[in-house]
Amino acid sequence: MEASVPVVDFQKLSEGEEEWKKLREACEKCGCFRVINHPIPETLMAEMKSVVKFVHDLPLDTKMRNKSIIPDSGFVPPIPTSPLYEGMGIYDMHESPQALEDFCTQLDLPQYHRQIVKTYGQAIHDLASTISQKMAKCLGIVGVDFKDWPFILRTIKYSFTPENVGEMGVQVHSDTGFITLLQDDETVSGLELLDDSGSFKAVPPKSGSFLCLIGDVGHVWSNGKFWNVRHRVICKGTGTRYSFGAFMLAPRDGNVKAPAKLVELDNAPRYRPFTYEDLREFRIRTGKRAGEVLDQYRIAL
């Protein structure tokens, strides 16, 4: 069965209340939504996909030069427990232009490819920041500078063969950050969401759109209002699946907590403050990646 993923028209958010209501309901009830009519040209989206294919086809020793700044921010090769997955990334390129330069130099990218990565990275960071601000506004919170939040421009490749049908590309998890703004593969499916009935539903692709997934930080920052959606990738047929986008993490100082105004409106905080680094390290150490890691910070009401 297919998941019913809400669709939010980016342009209509500046026109009236109806789209704002759809955005808030999507954040609270589904933890995800599709963004259409956004400012990123489809030509740029297609060009970036061609770059993603190029970098993932590079020799292994070349890809290994893409070092992680924080865990999983650089090259992650297939491993025995996750043989279908491969990832690459650039950490905090918006704040540090050197991060982009290092990535391109490490992989010996041609100038044309470098320019595409730079243009796309800037565009999706701006879009992710703006969407985050609009999500905050839904809760009555304004003035948060999401543009300052670190993010990872991450690319992912899944290698699916007939022998892998039914196997996991990525196990069930929630993302750690505020949101993930994903350019999903428009031809090779595999992404599934866990709905409130406990069933997995396939996410149908939609060309030209972005899929926004709310993560653990988004759930806590919203004082529990936004749902940190659980999802997985499963092999359903032969093909190579590519997805990529902006993984918006947490405030630059690393401190994760609900805004004071939101806590005041709710009469109480639902989670005690913590740092993003502690959250990430706890997930890695315990292997708990499906949102249950937040239980340790929950305040009994």
C-alpha atoms as a PDB file:
ATOM      1  CA  MET A   1       0.000   0.000   0.000  1.00  0.00           C
ATOM      2  CA  GLU A   2       1.096   3.572  -0.625  1.00  0.00           C
ATOM      3  CA  ALA A   3       1.508   6.204   2.054  1.00  0.00           C
ATOM      4  CA  SER A   4      -0.697   9.262   1.900  1.00  0.00           C
ATOM      5  CA  VAL A   5       1.940  11.987   1.979  1.00  0.00           C
ATOM      6  CA  PRO A   6       0.564  15.536   2.351  1.00  0.00           C
ATOM      7  CA  VAL A   7       1.539  18.000  -0.380  1.00  0.00           C
ATOM      8  CA  VAL A   8       2.427  21.585   0.529  1.00  0.00           C
ATOM      9  CA  ASP A   9       2.517  24.232  -2.188  1.00  0.00           C
ATOM     10  CA  PHE A  10       5.470  26.478  -1.357  1.00  0.00           C
ATOM     11  CA  GLN A  11       4.107  29.430  -3.350  1.00  0.00           C
ATOM     12  CA  LYS A  12       0.687  29.287  -1.699  1.00  0.00           C
ATOM     13  CA  LEU A  13       2.234  29.706   1.762  1.00  0.00           C
ATOM     14  CA  SER A  14       2.474  33.402   0.971  1.00  0.00           C
ATOM     15  CA  GLU A  15      -1.139  33.639  -0.227  1.00  0.00           C
ATOM     16  CA  GLY A  16      -3.465  32.493   2.543  1.00  0.00           C
ATOM     17  CA  GLU A  17      -4.253  30.508   5.677  1.00  0.00           C
ATOM     18  CA  GLU A  18      -5.308  27.225   4.059  1.00  0.00           C
ATOM     19  CA  GLU A  19      -1.790  26.176   3.070  1.00  0.00           C
ATOM     20  CA  TRP A  20      -0.441  27.076   6.524  1.00  0.00           C
ATOM     21  CA  LYS A  21      -3.066  24.793   8.059  1.00  0.00           C
ATOM     22  CA  LYS A  22      -2.009  21.965   5.724  1.00  0.00           C
ATOM     23  CA  LEU A  23       1.633  22.496   6.685  1.00  0.00           C
ATOM     24  CA  ARG A  24       0.950  22.343  10.428  1.00  0.00           C
ATOM     25  CA  GLU A  25      -1.268  19.260  10.112  1.00  0.00           C
ATOM     26  CA  ALA A  26       1.401  17.524   8.033  1.00  0.00           C
ATOM     27  CA  CYS A  27       4.062  18.290  10.654  1.00  0.00           C
ATOM     28  CA  GLU A  28       1.938  17.153  13.568  1.00  0.00           C
ATOM     29  CA  LYS A  29       0.116  14.138  12.145  1.00  0.00           C
ATOM     30  CA  CYS A  30       2.484  12.701   9.523  1.00  0.00           C
ATOM     31  CA  GLY A  31       5.943  14.034  10.272  1.00  0.00           C
ATOM     32  CA  CYS A  32       6.536  14.532   6.566  1.00  0.00           C
ATOM     33  CA  PHE A  33       5.218  16.301   3.480  1.00  0.00           C
ATOM     34  CA  ARG A  34       6.024  16.921  -0.165  1.00  0.00           C
ATOM     35  CA  VAL A  35       7.043  20.416  -1.243  1.00  0.00           C
ATOM     36  CA  ILE A  36       5.924  21.517  -4.704  1.00  0.00           C
ATOM     37  CA  ASN A  37       6.212  24.830  -6.568  1.00  0.00           C
ATOM     38  CA  HIS A  38       9.498  25.586  -4.814  1.00  0.00           C
ATOM     39  CA  PRO A  39      12.158  27.931  -6.275  1.00  0.00           C
ATOM     40  CA  ILE A  40      14.756  25.274  -7.231  1.00  0.00           C
ATOM     41  CA  PRO A  41      14.681  24.686 -11.022  1.00  0.00           C
ATOM     42  CA  GLU A  42      14.083  21.132 -12.208  1.00  0.00           C
ATOM     43  CA  THR A  43      17.069  21.551 -14.526  1.00  0.00           C
ATOM     44  CA  LEU A  44      19.325  22.067 -11.489  1.00  0.00           C
ATOM     45  CA  MET A  45      17.758  19.060  -9.763  1.00  0.00           C
ATOM     46  CA  ALA A  46      18.507  16.913 -12.814  1.00  0.00           C
ATOM     47  CA  GLU A  47      22.057  18.258 -13.082  1.00  0.00           C
ATOM     48  CA  MET A  48      22.724  17.463  -9.430  1.00  0.00           C
ATOM     49  CA  LYS A  49      21.497  13.909  -9.908  1.00  0.00           C
ATOM     50  CA  SER A  50      23.986  13.487 -12.737  1.00  0.00           C
ATOM     51  CA  VAL A  51      26.766  14.681 -10.406  1.00  0.00           C
ATOM     52  CA  VAL A  52      25.605  12.265  -7.706  1.00  0.00           C
ATOM     53  CA  LYS A  53      25.822   9.378 -10.166  1.00  0.00           C
ATOM     54  CA  PHE A  54      29.284  10.555 -11.223  1.00  0.00           C
ATOM     55  CA  VAL A  55      30.741  10.721  -7.699  1.00  0.00           C
ATOM     56  CA  HIS A  56      29.308   7.362  -6.662  1.00  0.00           C
ATOM     57  CA  ASP A  57      30.859   5.751  -9.752  1.00  0.00           C
ATOM     58  CA  LEU A  58      34.331   6.928  -8.736  1.00  0.00           C
ATOM     59  CA  PRO A  59      36.891   4.331  -7.584  1.00  0.00           C
ATOM     60  CA  LEU A  60      36.583   3.290  -3.952  1.00  0.00           C
ATOM     61  CA  ASP A  61      39.981   4.707  -2.979  1.00  0.00           C
ATOM     62  CA  THR A  62      38.915   8.094  -4.352  1.00  0.00           C
ATOM     63  CA  LYS A  63      35.590   8.082  -2.494  1.00  0.00           C
ATOM     64  CA  MET A  64      37.377   7.154   0.728  1.00  0.00           C
ATOM     65  CA  ARG A  65      39.011  10.608   0.658  1.00  0.00           C
ATOM     66  CA  ASN A  66      35.607  12.092   1.574  1.00  0.00           C
ATOM     67  CA  LYS A  67      36.289  12.164   5.315  1.00  0.00           C
ATOM     68  CA  SER A  68      33.649  12.645   8.017  1.00  0.00           C
ATOM     69  CA  ILE A  69      33.776  15.814  10.128  1.00  0.00           C
ATOM     70  CA  ILE A  70      31.047  14.470  12.402  1.00  0.00           C
ATOM     71  CA  PRO A  71      29.926  10.811  12.267  1.00  0.00           C
ATOM     72  CA  ASP A  72      28.406   9.801   8.917  1.00  0.00           C
ATOM     73  CA  SER A  73      29.040  13.200   7.332  1.00  0.00           C
ATOM     74  CA  GLY A  74      31.559  11.832   4.827  1.00  0.00           C
ATOM     75  CA  PHE A  75      31.856   8.655   2.790  1.00  0.00           C
ATOM     76  CA  VAL A  76      30.124   5.598   4.238  1.00  0.00           C
ATOM     77  CA  PRO A  77      30.907   2.432   2.228  1.00  0.00           C
ATOM     78  CA  PRO A  78      28.718  -0.668   2.066  1.00  0.00           C
ATOM     79  CA  ILE A  79      29.322  -2.871   5.110  1.00  0.00           C
ATOM     80  CA  PRO A  80      28.162  -6.411   5.972  1.00  0.00           C
ATOM     81  CA  THR A  81      25.267  -5.131   8.092  1.00  0.00           C
ATOM     82  CA  SER A  82      24.242  -2.611   5.401  1.00  0.00           C
ATOM     83  CA  PRO A  83      25.538  -3.965   2.066  1.00  0.00           C
ATOM     84  CA  LEU A  84      23.153  -2.069  -0.230  1.00  0.00           C
ATOM     85  CA  TYR A  85      23.862   1.427   1.117  1.00  0.00           C
ATOM     86  CA  GLU A  86      26.576   3.927   0.254  1.00  0.00           C
ATOM     87  CA  GLY A  87      26.712   7.585   1.271  1.00  0.00           C
ATOM     88  CA  MET A  88      28.814  10.701   0.739  1.00  0.00           C
ATOM     89  CA  GLY A  89      28.526  14.191   2.145  1.00  0.00           C
ATOM     90  CA  ILE A  90      29.698  17.735   2.777  1.00  0.00           C
ATOM     91  CA  TYR A  91      29.331  19.119   6.301  1.00  0.00           C
ATOM     92  CA  ASP A  92      28.422  22.781   6.905  1.00  0.00           C
ATOM     93  CA  MET A  93      29.306  24.092   3.440  1.00  0.00           C
ATOM     94  CA  HIS A  94      27.113  27.149   3.993  1.00  0.00           C
ATOM     95  CA  GLU A  95      29.260  28.342   6.902  1.00  0.00           C
ATOM     96  CA  SER A  96      32.585  27.032   5.570  1.00  0.00           C
ATOM     97  CA  PRO A  97      33.272  27.449   1.848  1.00  0.00           C
ATOM     98  CA  GLN A  98      36.451  25.444   2.460  1.00  0.00           C
ATOM     99  CA  ALA A  99      34.276  22.382   3.132  1.00  0.00           C
ATOM    100  CA  LEU A 100      32.989  22.493  -0.442  1.00  0.00           C
ATOM    101  CA  GLU A 101      36.477  23.104  -1.807  1.00  0.00           C
ATOM    102  CA  ASP A 102      37.842  20.145   0.158  1.00  0.00           C
ATOM    103  CA  PHE A 103      35.076  17.843  -1.092  1.00  0.00           C
ATOM    104  CA  CYS A 104      35.625  18.785  -4.725  1.00  0.00           C
ATOM    105  CA  THR A 105      39.409  18.568  -4.462  1.00  0.00           C
ATOM    106  CA  GLN A 106      39.354  15.215  -2.656  1.00  0.00           C
ATOM    107  CA  LEU A 107      37.250  13.730  -5.447  1.00  0.00           C
ATOM    108  CA  ASP A 108      39.009  15.575  -8.300  1.00  0.00           C
ATOM    109  CA  LEU A 109      35.685  16.921  -9.553  1.00  0.00           C
ATOM    110  CA  PRO A 110      35.672  18.760 -12.885  1.00  0.00           C
ATOM    111  CA  GLN A 111      34.897  22.480 -12.688  1.00  0.00           C
ATOM    112  CA  TYR A 112      31.439  21.992 -14.226  1.00  0.00           C
ATOM    113  CA  HIS A 113      30.506  19.481 -11.516  1.00  0.00           C
ATOM    114  CA  ARG A 114      31.913  21.732  -8.789  1.00  0.00           C
ATOM    115  CA  GLN A 115      29.689  24.599  -9.879  1.00  0.00           C
ATOM    116  CA  ILE A 116      26.593  22.392  -9.865  1.00  0.00           C
ATOM    117  CA  VAL A 117      27.327  21.143  -6.347  1.00  0.00           C
ATOM    118  CA  LYS A 118      27.900  24.710  -5.144  1.00  0.00           C
ATOM    119  CA  THR A 119      24.737  26.072  -6.754  1.00  0.00           C
ATOM    120  CA  TYR A 120      22.557  23.179  -5.648  1.00  0.00           C
ATOM    121  CA  GLY A 121      23.993  23.180  -2.125  1.00  0.00           C
ATOM    122  CA  GLN A 122      23.238  26.868  -1.682  1.00  0.00           C
ATOM    123  CA  ALA A 123      19.754  26.513  -3.152  1.00  0.00           C
ATOM    124  CA  ILE A 124      18.655  23.543  -1.051  1.00  0.00           C
ATOM    125  CA  HIS A 125      20.134  25.063   2.111  1.00  0.00           C
ATOM    126  CA  ASP A 126      18.107  28.219   1.505  1.00  0.00           C
ATOM    127  CA  LEU A 127      14.957  26.191   0.818  1.00  0.00           C
ATOM    128  CA  ALA A 128      15.432  23.975   3.888  1.00  0.00           C
ATOM    129  CA  SER A 129      16.036  27.060   6.047  1.00  0.00           C
ATOM    130  CA  THR A 130      12.946  28.812   4.727  1.00  0.00           C
ATOM    131  CA  ILE A 131      10.749  25.740   5.186  1.00  0.00           C
ATOM    132  CA  SER A 132      12.040  25.374   8.752  1.00  0.00           C
ATOM    133  CA  GLN A 133      11.133  29.010   9.446  1.00  0.00           C
ATOM    134  CA  LYS A 134       7.637  28.463   8.070  1.00  0.00           C
ATOM    135  CA  MET A 135       7.233  25.345  10.225  1.00  0.00           C
ATOM    136  CA  ALA A 136       8.229  27.401  13.266  1.00  0.00           C
ATOM    137  CA  LYS A 137       5.792  30.143  12.292  1.00  0.00           C
ATOM    138  CA  CYS A 138       2.998  27.546  12.315  1.00  0.00           C
ATOM    139  CA  LEU A 139       3.606  27.288  16.061  1.00  0.00           C
ATOM    140  CA  GLY A 140       3.774  31.056  16.537  1.00  0.00           C
ATOM    141  CA  ILE A 141       7.569  31.162  16.709  1.00  0.00           C
ATOM    142  CA  VAL A 142       9.345  33.784  14.581  1.00  0.00           C
ATOM    143  CA  GLY A 143      12.858  35.170  14.456  1.00  0.00           C
ATOM    144  CA  VAL A 144      14.744  31.857  14.540  1.00  0.00           C
ATOM    145  CA  ASP A 145      17.774  32.014  12.229  1.00  0.00           C
ATOM    146  CA  PHE A 146      17.672  28.526  10.722  1.00  0.00           C
ATOM    147  CA  LYS A 147      20.142  29.686   8.070  1.00  0.00           C
ATOM    148  CA  ASP A 148      22.811  29.539  10.760  1.00  0.00           C
ATOM    149  CA  TRP A 149      22.103  25.896  11.616  1.00  0.00           C
ATOM    150  CA  PRO A 150      24.716  23.392  10.372  1.00  0.00           C
ATOM    151  CA  PHE A 151      23.593  20.995   7.668  1.00  0.00           C
ATOM    152  CA  ILE A 152      24.974  18.106   5.663  1.00  0.00           C
ATOM    153  CA  LEU A 153      24.565  17.994   1.897  1.00  0.00           C
ATOM    154  CA  ARG A 154      24.300  14.218   1.653  1.00  0.00           C
ATOM    155  CA  THR A 155      24.069  11.863  -1.310  1.00  0.00           C
ATOM    156  CA  ILE A 156      22.945   8.232  -1.023  1.00  0.00           C
ATOM    157  CA  LYS A 157      23.174   5.300  -3.400  1.00  0.00           C
ATOM    158  CA  TYR A 158      21.407   1.951  -3.066  1.00  0.00           C
ATOM    159  CA  SER A 159      22.516  -0.922  -5.298  1.00  0.00           C
ATOM    160  CA  PHE A 160      19.529  -3.239  -5.792  1.00  0.00           C
ATOM    161  CA  THR A 161      19.813  -6.621  -7.536  1.00  0.00           C
ATOM    162  CA  PRO A 162      17.241  -9.424  -7.981  1.00  0.00           C
ATOM    163  CA  GLU A 163      18.946 -11.328  -5.165  1.00  0.00           C
ATOM    164  CA  ASN A 164      18.326  -8.421  -2.778  1.00  0.00           C
ATOM    165  CA  VAL A 165      14.545  -8.143  -3.205  1.00  0.00           C
ATOM    166  CA  GLY A 166      12.965  -7.886   0.226  1.00  0.00           C
ATOM    167  CA  GLU A 167      16.220  -6.874   1.927  1.00  0.00           C
ATOM    168  CA  MET A 168      16.754  -3.603   3.777  1.00  0.00           C
ATOM    169  CA  GLY A 169      18.684  -0.770   2.197  1.00  0.00           C
ATOM    170  CA  VAL A 170      18.420   1.107   5.508  1.00  0.00           C
ATOM    171  CA  GLN A 171      16.853  -0.185   8.702  1.00  0.00           C
ATOM    172  CA  VAL A 172      13.921   1.549  10.394  1.00  0.00           C
ATOM    173  CA  HIS A 173      15.018   4.867  11.873  1.00  0.00           C
ATOM    174  CA  SER A 174      14.141   8.482  12.477  1.00  0.00           C
ATOM    175  CA  ASP A 175      16.569  11.168  11.354  1.00  0.00           C
ATOM    176  CA  THR A 176      18.486  12.953  14.107  1.00  0.00           C
ATOM    177  CA  GLY A 177      18.129  16.551  12.944  1.00  0.00           C
ATOM    178  CA  PHE A 178      15.382  19.148  12.606  1.00  0.00           C
ATOM    179  CA  ILE A 179      14.372  18.215   9.072  1.00  0.00           C
ATOM    180  CA  THR A 180      15.699  16.336   6.088  1.00  0.00           C
ATOM    181  CA  LEU A 181      14.824  17.880   2.727  1.00  0.00           C
ATOM    182  CA  LEU A 182      15.228  15.043   0.278  1.00  0.00           C
ATOM    183  CA  GLN A 183      15.287  14.864  -3.489  1.00  0.00           C
ATOM    184  CA  ASP A 184      13.937  11.346  -3.798  1.00  0.00           C
ATOM    185  CA  ASP A 185      14.573   9.007  -6.716  1.00  0.00           C
ATOM    186  CA  GLU A 186      11.813   9.544  -9.266  1.00  0.00           C
ATOM    187  CA  THR A 187      12.197   6.119 -10.901  1.00  0.00           C
ATOM    188  CA  VAL A 188      13.526   3.564  -8.372  1.00  0.00           C
ATOM    189  CA  SER A 189      11.252   3.188  -5.337  1.00  0.00           C
ATOM    190  CA  GLY A 190      12.041   1.746  -1.925  1.00  0.00           C
ATOM    191  CA  LEU A 191      11.315   4.396   0.713  1.00  0.00           C
ATOM    192  CA  GLU A 192       8.613   3.424   3.215  1.00  0.00           C
ATOM    193  CA  LEU A 193       7.038   5.285   6.147  1.00  0.00           C
ATOM    194  CA  LEU A 194       5.723   3.767   9.356  1.00  0.00           C
ATOM    195  CA  ASP A 195       2.186   5.048   9.928  1.00  0.00           C
ATOM    196  CA  ASP A 196       0.280   5.341  13.199  1.00  0.00           C
ATOM    197  CA  SER A 197      -1.244   1.879  12.712  1.00  0.00           C
ATOM    198  CA  GLY A 198       2.211   0.312  12.787  1.00  0.00           C
ATOM    199  CA  SER A 199       2.198  -0.516   9.084  1.00  0.00           C
ATOM    200  CA  PHE A 200       4.822   0.401   6.510  1.00  0.00           C
ATOM    201  CA  LYS A 201       3.532   2.266   3.472  1.00  0.00           C
ATOM    202  CA  ALA A 202       5.468   2.933   0.273  1.00  0.00           C
ATOM    203  CA  VAL A 203       6.236   6.559  -0.577  1.00  0.00           C
ATOM    204  CA  PRO A 204       5.271   7.210  -4.203  1.00  0.00           C
ATOM    205  CA  PRO A 205       7.830   9.344  -6.069  1.00  0.00           C
ATOM    206  CA  LYS A 206       6.845  12.739  -7.412  1.00  0.00           C
ATOM    207  CA  SER A 207       9.159  14.293  -9.956  1.00  0.00           C
ATOM    208  CA  GLY A 208      10.215  17.876  -9.323  1.00  0.00           C
ATOM    209  CA  SER A 209       9.306  17.834  -5.637  1.00  0.00           C
ATOM    210  CA  PHE A 210      11.185  17.538  -2.365  1.00  0.00           C
ATOM    211  CA  LEU A 211      10.222  15.250   0.495  1.00  0.00           C
ATOM    212  CA  CYS A 212      10.533  16.857   3.931  1.00  0.00           C
ATOM    213  CA  LEU A 213      11.054  14.443   6.842  1.00  0.00           C
ATOM    214  CA  ILE A 214      10.949  15.706  10.439  1.00  0.00           C
ATOM    215  CA  GLY A 215      13.649  14.338  12.734  1.00  0.00           C
ATOM    216  CA  ASP A 216      14.313  13.937  16.465  1.00  0.00           C
ATOM    217  CA  VAL A 217      15.492  17.530  16.958  1.00  0.00           C
ATOM    218  CA  GLY A 218      12.369  18.787  15.194  1.00  0.00           C
ATOM    219  CA  HIS A 219      10.194  16.760  17.566  1.00  0.00           C
ATOM    220  CA  VAL A 220      11.897  18.074  20.709  1.00  0.00           C
ATOM    221  CA  TRP A 221      12.248  21.657  19.441  1.00  0.00           C
ATOM    222  CA  SER A 222       8.495  21.771  18.801  1.00  0.00           C
ATOM    223  CA  ASN A 223       7.892  20.546  22.361  1.00  0.00           C
ATOM    224  CA  GLY A 224       6.620  17.262  21.009  1.00  0.00           C
ATOM    225  CA  LYS A 225       4.163  18.745  18.499  1.00  0.00           C
ATOM    226  CA  PHE A 226       5.992  17.790  15.288  1.00  0.00           C
ATOM    227  CA  TRP A 227       6.213  14.051  14.671  1.00  0.00           C
ATOM    228  CA  ASN A 228       9.638  12.515  14.016  1.00  0.00           C
ATOM    229  CA  VAL A 229       8.615  10.063  11.327  1.00  0.00           C
ATOM    230  CA  ARG A 230      10.051   6.529  11.242  1.00  0.00           C
ATOM    231  CA  HIS A 231      11.089   5.279   7.838  1.00  0.00           C
ATOM    232  CA  ARG A 232      13.177   2.685   6.018  1.00  0.00           C
ATOM    233  CA  VAL A 233      14.389   1.790   2.535  1.00  0.00           C
ATOM    234  CA  ILE A 234      13.714  -1.684   1.180  1.00  0.00           C
ATOM    235  CA  CYS A 235      14.745  -3.330  -2.098  1.00  0.00           C
ATOM    236  CA  LYS A 236      11.709  -3.972  -4.274  1.00  0.00           C
ATOM    237  CA  GLY A 237      13.397  -4.631  -7.597  1.00  0.00           C
ATOM    238  CA  THR A 238      16.510  -4.290  -9.683  1.00  0.00           C
ATOM    239  CA  GLY A 239      18.086  -0.874 -10.127  1.00  0.00           C
ATOM    240  CA  THR A 240      20.289   1.798  -8.602  1.00  0.00           C
ATOM    241  CA  ARG A 241      18.463   4.220  -6.357  1.00  0.00           C
ATOM    242  CA  TYR A 242      19.799   7.717  -5.673  1.00  0.00           C
ATOM    243  CA  SER A 243      18.534  10.210  -3.104  1.00  0.00           C
ATOM    244  CA  PHE A 244      20.180  13.369  -1.814  1.00  0.00           C
ATOM    245  CA  GLY A 245      19.497  16.631  -0.075  1.00  0.00           C
ATOM    246  CA  ALA A 246      19.909  18.787   3.009  1.00  0.00           C
ATOM    247  CA  PHE A 247      20.059  17.250   6.480  1.00  0.00           C
ATOM    248  CA  MET A 248      19.381  20.250   8.759  1.00  0.00           C
ATOM    249  CA  LEU A 249      20.775  19.307  12.158  1.00  0.00           C
ATOM    250  CA  ALA A 250      20.447  21.539  15.235  1.00  0.00           C
ATOM    251  CA  PRO A 251      21.297  25.050  16.495  1.00  0.00           C
ATOM    252  CA  ARG A 252      24.935  25.959  15.950  1.00  0.00           C
ATOM    253  CA  ASP A 253      25.651  25.915  19.679  1.00  0.00           C
ATOM    254  CA  GLY A 254      24.340  22.336  19.750  1.00  0.00           C
ATOM    255  CA  ASN A 255      21.766  22.960  22.471  1.00  0.00           C
ATOM    256  CA  VAL A 256      18.407  21.346  21.741  1.00  0.00           C
ATOM    257  CA  LYS A 257      15.336  22.612  23.583  1.00  0.00           C
ATOM    258  CA  ALA A 258      11.905  24.039  22.868  1.00  0.00           C
ATOM    259  CA  PRO A 259      11.677  27.853  22.578  1.00  0.00           C
ATOM    260  CA  ALA A 260      10.600  29.570  25.795  1.00  0.00           C
ATOM    261  CA  LYS A 261       7.458  30.985  24.148  1.00  0.00           C
ATOM    262  CA  LEU A 262       6.347  27.534  23.061  1.00  0.00           C
ATOM    263  CA  VAL A 263       6.960  26.075  26.522  1.00  0.00           C
ATOM    264  CA  GLU A 264       4.946  28.943  28.004  1.00  0.00           C
ATOM    265  CA  LEU A 265       2.040  28.280  25.635  1.00  0.00           C
ATOM    266  CA  ASP A 266       2.093  24.582  26.539  1.00  0.00           C
ATOM    267  CA  ASN A 267       2.496  25.343  30.266  1.00  0.00           C
ATOM    268  CA  ALA A 268       5.435  22.913  30.560  1.00  0.00           C
ATOM    269  CA  PRO A 269       8.450  21.534  28.667  1.00  0.00           C
ATOM    270  CA  ARG A 270       8.057  17.937  27.498  1.00  0.00           C
ATOM    271  CA  TYR A 271      11.792  17.247  27.194  1.00  0.00           C
ATOM    272  CA  ARG A 272      14.773  18.379  29.207  1.00  0.00           C
ATOM    273  CA  PRO A 273      17.509  20.169  27.198  1.00  0.00           C
ATOM    274  CA  PHE A 274      20.367  18.172  25.718  1.00  0.00           C
ATOM    275  CA  THR A 275      23.104  18.626  23.137  1.00  0.00           C
ATOM    276  CA  TYR A 276      22.944  17.348  19.594  1.00  0.00           C
ATOM    277  CA  GLU A 277      26.317  15.670  20.063  1.00  0.00           C
ATOM    278  CA  ASP A 278      25.004  13.689  23.056  1.00  0.00           C
ATOM    279  CA  LEU A 279      21.962  12.598  21.053  1.00  0.00           C
ATOM    280  CA  ARG A 280      24.058  11.485  18.112  1.00  0.00           C
ATOM    281  CA  GLU A 281      26.608   9.657  20.253  1.00  0.00           C
ATOM    282  CA  PHE A 282      23.916   7.878  22.264  1.00  0.00           C
ATOM    283  CA  ARG A 283      22.275   6.630  19.066  1.00  0.00           C
ATOM    284  CA  ILE A 284      25.591   5.334  17.765  1.00  0.00           C
ATOM    285  CA  ARG A 285      26.544   3.696  21.053  1.00  0.00           C
ATOM    286  CA  THR A 286      23.214   1.980  21.708  1.00  0.00           C
ATOM    287  CA  GLY A 287      22.073   1.306  18.150  1.00  0.00           C
ATOM    288  CA  LYS A 288      18.715   2.884  19.011  1.00  0.00           C
ATOM    289  CA  ARG A 289      17.789   4.856  15.936  1.00  0.00           C
ATOM    290  CA  ALA A 290      13.997   4.837  15.739  1.00  0.00           C
ATOM    291  CA  GLY A 291      13.171   7.767  18.002  1.00  0.00           C
ATOM    292  CA  GLU A 292      13.185   5.774  21.237  1.00  0.00           C
ATOM    293  CA  VAL A 293      16.481   7.472  22.120  1.00  0.00           C
ATOM    294  CA  LEU A 294      14.435  10.540  23.107  1.00  0.00           C
ATOM    295  CA  ASP A 295      12.782   8.669  25.972  1.00  0.00           C
ATOM    296  CA  GLN A 296      15.788   9.410  28.179  1.00  0.00           C
ATOM    297  CA  TYR A 297      15.069  13.148  27.881  1.00  0.00           C
ATOM    298  CA  ARG A 298      11.303  12.965  28.289  1.00  0.00           C
ATOM    299  CA  ILE A 299       9.752  14.770  31.275  1.00  0.00           C
ATOM    300  CA  ALA A 300       6.829  12.980  32.922  1.00  0.00           C
ATOM    301  CA  LEU A 301       3.768  15.233  32.975  1.00  0.00           C
END
